[in-house]
Amino acid sequence: MRTMGAPNNRSSNNTMSRSSFSLPTIRRIVAWGLGVLTVLFLISGFGITEPRLVGLLTFGILGKTLSYRIHTLLWGPFLIFLVLHVALSCRFSFPNR
């Protein structure tokens, strides 16, 4: 027998709570993503200017050509994450007037 107020389908309630992200979670994901992209951007840029040293440190995996390709491909994601990071930080740091 069904009681009043009991949910009809439990899986739909659990799905809703799992798929919704809170604002601090989104800000944290964007911040960590920007941090990872920044480190990759710096390493690939250093690989362009100092290919011998970076090649030795990465056991020959990251040469000048691959560093340039990675550095070029990271512009788009880096700018997207940077704009998201700044927008989320500015939007919620200033009080409403």
C-alpha atoms as a PDB file:
ATOM      1  CA  MET A   1       0.000   0.000   0.000  1.00  0.00           C
ATOM      2  CA  ARG A   2       1.296   3.440  -0.928  1.00  0.00           C
ATOM      3  CA  THR A   3       1.522   6.172   1.682  1.00  0.00           C
ATOM      4  CA  MET A   4       0.678   9.783   0.968  1.00  0.00           C
ATOM      5  CA  GLY A   5       3.612  11.945  -0.021  1.00  0.00           C
ATOM      6  CA  ALA A   6       5.936   9.082  -0.919  1.00  0.00           C
ATOM      7  CA  PRO A   7       7.759   9.554  -4.217  1.00  0.00           C
ATOM      8  CA  ASN A   8       6.483   7.414  -7.046  1.00  0.00           C
ATOM      9  CA  ASN A   9       9.859   6.892  -8.715  1.00  0.00           C
ATOM     10  CA  ARG A  10      12.961   7.063  -6.543  1.00  0.00           C
ATOM     11  CA  SER A  11      15.448   6.911  -9.405  1.00  0.00           C
ATOM     12  CA  SER A  12      14.209  10.183 -10.904  1.00  0.00           C
ATOM     13  CA  ASN A  13      14.776  11.995  -7.584  1.00  0.00           C
ATOM     14  CA  ASN A  14      18.285  10.583  -7.244  1.00  0.00           C
ATOM     15  CA  THR A  15      19.109  11.461 -10.835  1.00  0.00           C
ATOM     16  CA  MET A  16      18.084  15.064 -10.300  1.00  0.00           C
ATOM     17  CA  SER A  17      20.263  15.436  -7.210  1.00  0.00           C
ATOM     18  CA  ARG A  18      23.272  13.809  -8.880  1.00  0.00           C
ATOM     19  CA  SER A  19      23.131  15.836 -12.088  1.00  0.00           C
ATOM     20  CA  SER A  20      22.716  19.252 -10.481  1.00  0.00           C
ATOM     21  CA  PHE A  21      25.919  21.042  -9.579  1.00  0.00           C
ATOM     22  CA  SER A  22      26.174  23.798  -7.029  1.00  0.00           C
ATOM     23  CA  LEU A  23      27.877  27.052  -7.920  1.00  0.00           C
ATOM     24  CA  PRO A  24      30.929  26.406  -5.708  1.00  0.00           C
ATOM     25  CA  THR A  25      31.403  23.047  -7.426  1.00  0.00           C
ATOM     26  CA  ILE A  26      31.297  24.659 -10.875  1.00  0.00           C
ATOM     27  CA  ARG A  27      33.724  27.373  -9.766  1.00  0.00           C
ATOM     28  CA  ARG A  28      36.078  24.728  -8.362  1.00  0.00           C
ATOM     29  CA  ILE A  29      35.980  22.682 -11.591  1.00  0.00           C
ATOM     30  CA  VAL A  30      36.676  25.786 -13.689  1.00  0.00           C
ATOM     31  CA  ALA A  31      39.523  26.864 -11.388  1.00  0.00           C
ATOM     32  CA  TRP A  32      41.188  23.437 -11.458  1.00  0.00           C
ATOM     33  CA  GLY A  33      40.745  23.177 -15.216  1.00  0.00           C
ATOM     34  CA  LEU A  34      42.333  26.594 -15.682  1.00  0.00           C
ATOM     35  CA  GLY A  35      45.198  25.574 -13.412  1.00  0.00           C
ATOM     36  CA  VAL A  36      45.898  22.402 -15.391  1.00  0.00           C
ATOM     37  CA  LEU A  37      45.709  24.276 -18.689  1.00  0.00           C
ATOM     38  CA  THR A  38      48.056  26.970 -17.352  1.00  0.00           C
ATOM     39  CA  VAL A  39      50.664  24.386 -16.346  1.00  0.00           C
ATOM     40  CA  LEU A  40      50.407  22.653 -19.738  1.00  0.00           C
ATOM     41  CA  PHE A  41      50.592  26.024 -21.479  1.00  0.00           C
ATOM     42  CA  LEU A  42      53.764  26.963 -19.561  1.00  0.00           C
ATOM     43  CA  ILE A  43      55.441  23.597 -20.136  1.00  0.00           C
ATOM     44  CA  SER A  44      54.666  23.621 -23.855  1.00  0.00           C
ATOM     45  CA  GLY A  45      55.869  27.222 -24.174  1.00  0.00           C
ATOM     46  CA  PHE A  46      59.067  26.331 -22.379  1.00  0.00           C
ATOM     47  CA  GLY A  47      59.374  23.335 -24.727  1.00  0.00           C
ATOM     48  CA  ILE A  48      59.322  25.730 -27.687  1.00  0.00           C
ATOM     49  CA  THR A  49      62.081  27.970 -26.299  1.00  0.00           C
ATOM     50  CA  GLU A  50      64.193  25.265 -24.619  1.00  0.00           C
ATOM     51  CA  PRO A  51      63.537  22.053 -26.578  1.00  0.00           C
ATOM     52  CA  ARG A  52      66.706  20.229 -25.450  1.00  0.00           C
ATOM     53  CA  LEU A  53      66.036  20.671 -21.738  1.00  0.00           C
ATOM     54  CA  VAL A  54      62.335  19.824 -21.976  1.00  0.00           C
ATOM     55  CA  GLY A  55      63.154  16.870 -24.215  1.00  0.00           C
ATOM     56  CA  LEU A  56      65.552  15.536 -21.578  1.00  0.00           C
ATOM     57  CA  LEU A  57      63.059  16.103 -18.745  1.00  0.00           C
ATOM     58  CA  THR A  58      60.252  14.356 -20.650  1.00  0.00           C
ATOM     59  CA  PHE A  59      62.518  11.534 -21.900  1.00  0.00           C
ATOM     60  CA  GLY A  60      62.253  12.705 -25.498  1.00  0.00           C
ATOM     61  CA  ILE A  61      58.453  12.774 -25.630  1.00  0.00           C
ATOM     62  CA  LEU A  62      58.045  16.540 -25.811  1.00  0.00           C
ATOM     63  CA  GLY A  63      60.142  18.045 -28.575  1.00  0.00           C
ATOM     64  CA  LYS A  64      59.927  21.456 -30.207  1.00  0.00           C
ATOM     65  CA  THR A  65      57.375  20.423 -32.849  1.00  0.00           C
ATOM     66  CA  LEU A  66      55.019  18.687 -30.412  1.00  0.00           C
ATOM     67  CA  SER A  67      55.393  21.543 -27.926  1.00  0.00           C
ATOM     68  CA  TYR A  68      54.379  24.017 -30.610  1.00  0.00           C
ATOM     69  CA  ARG A  69      51.346  21.922 -31.584  1.00  0.00           C
ATOM     70  CA  ILE A  70      50.201  21.569 -27.979  1.00  0.00           C
ATOM     71  CA  HIS A  71      50.809  25.261 -27.300  1.00  0.00           C
ATOM     72  CA  THR A  72      48.777  26.232 -30.367  1.00  0.00           C
ATOM     73  CA  LEU A  73      45.897  23.864 -29.540  1.00  0.00           C
ATOM     74  CA  LEU A  74      45.654  25.060 -25.920  1.00  0.00           C
ATOM     75  CA  TRP A  75      44.764  28.670 -26.832  1.00  0.00           C
ATOM     76  CA  GLY A  76      41.053  27.989 -27.279  1.00  0.00           C
ATOM     77  CA  PRO A  77      40.403  25.942 -24.126  1.00  0.00           C
ATOM     78  CA  PHE A  78      42.655  28.244 -22.092  1.00  0.00           C
ATOM     79  CA  LEU A  79      40.732  31.361 -23.137  1.00  0.00           C
ATOM     80  CA  ILE A  80      37.352  29.701 -22.546  1.00  0.00           C
ATOM     81  CA  PHE A  81      38.328  28.616 -19.031  1.00  0.00           C
ATOM     82  CA  LEU A  82      39.886  32.013 -18.324  1.00  0.00           C
ATOM     83  CA  VAL A  83      36.726  33.879 -19.358  1.00  0.00           C
ATOM     84  CA  LEU A  84      34.558  31.486 -17.330  1.00  0.00           C
ATOM     85  CA  HIS A  85      36.814  31.878 -14.301  1.00  0.00           C
ATOM     86  CA  VAL A  86      36.795  35.680 -14.469  1.00  0.00           C
ATOM     87  CA  ALA A  87      33.047  35.827 -15.167  1.00  0.00           C
ATOM     88  CA  LEU A  88      32.182  33.529 -12.271  1.00  0.00           C
ATOM     89  CA  SER A  89      34.519  35.416  -9.942  1.00  0.00           C
ATOM     90  CA  CYS A  90      33.301  38.889 -10.907  1.00  0.00           C
ATOM     91  CA  ARG A  91      29.625  37.999 -11.093  1.00  0.00           C
ATOM     92  CA  PHE A  92      29.428  36.729  -7.541  1.00  0.00           C
ATOM     93  CA  SER A  93      31.988  38.920  -5.804  1.00  0.00           C
ATOM     94  CA  PHE A  94      30.300  42.313  -6.297  1.00  0.00           C
ATOM     95  CA  PRO A  95      27.166  43.073  -4.270  1.00  0.00           C
ATOM     96  CA  ASN A  96      23.993  44.048  -6.079  1.00  0.00           C
ATOM     97  CA  ARG A  97      23.305  47.766  -6.160  1.00  0.00           C
END
